[in-house]
Amino acid sequence: MGMVKKILIFLGVIIILGAVVIGYNIYRGQGKIVSYLNKRPGKNFVEPTPSPSQEVSSNIALLEENYERAILELKKTHLKKDSLTDFVDKILCIQLEKKDKGYYYPAREEEVKENLEAAQNFKNAILKLKVPPKYKDLQLGLVIGFSHLEAELLNPKKMTSLQEQRENITKAMEKFKQLEKEYPWLVNR
């Protein structure tokens, strides 16, 4: 009985291995079968299975297109301006007024709050996007730029003169100018 059991197990293993080999050969031979069918006149055309590299490149292209579309839609929704630099200009144009002890502060706090909310909403929305490899630098640049704006708007610095530059806003403006130069579709659409 012990010998019969060993033989049955051995045959089972051989059958399983045979099925795996046959399945692998069928999988590898699909392209050959399709090309053979295409050469025979009068037979229906069978679409070849796309190679994994074709599928990956088309998926990446679709991801890139969707990412661009999402960024433009978020920009239109949250920033309501034509460009990132226009949004920063709007923040720089917040009128400052002189208050106690000779320092200047934003004249309209509600304007600062509106811009802060827009910057935070935009940054949070882009952080939720799936980023294609081509746009990793853009994503990082947008997050850094909006983080600079957020830092300035959360805690406006006291300034001793109207000419004094606000460091975080200047950093954001430089970052956004660089991004708009590298990715012209941010401005032109």
Foldseek 3Di string as FASTA:
>chain_A
DVVVVVVVVVVVVVVVVVVVVVVVCCVVCQVVVQVVQVPDPPGDHDDGDDDPVVVVVVVLVVLVVVLLVQLLVLCCVQQVDLFPLVSLVQVLPQDWDADPPQWIDRPDLVSLVSSLVSLVVSLVSLVPRDDRPVCPVVNVLSNQLSVLSNVCSVPPDTDNDSPDDDVSSVVSNVSRVVSCVVPVSNRPD
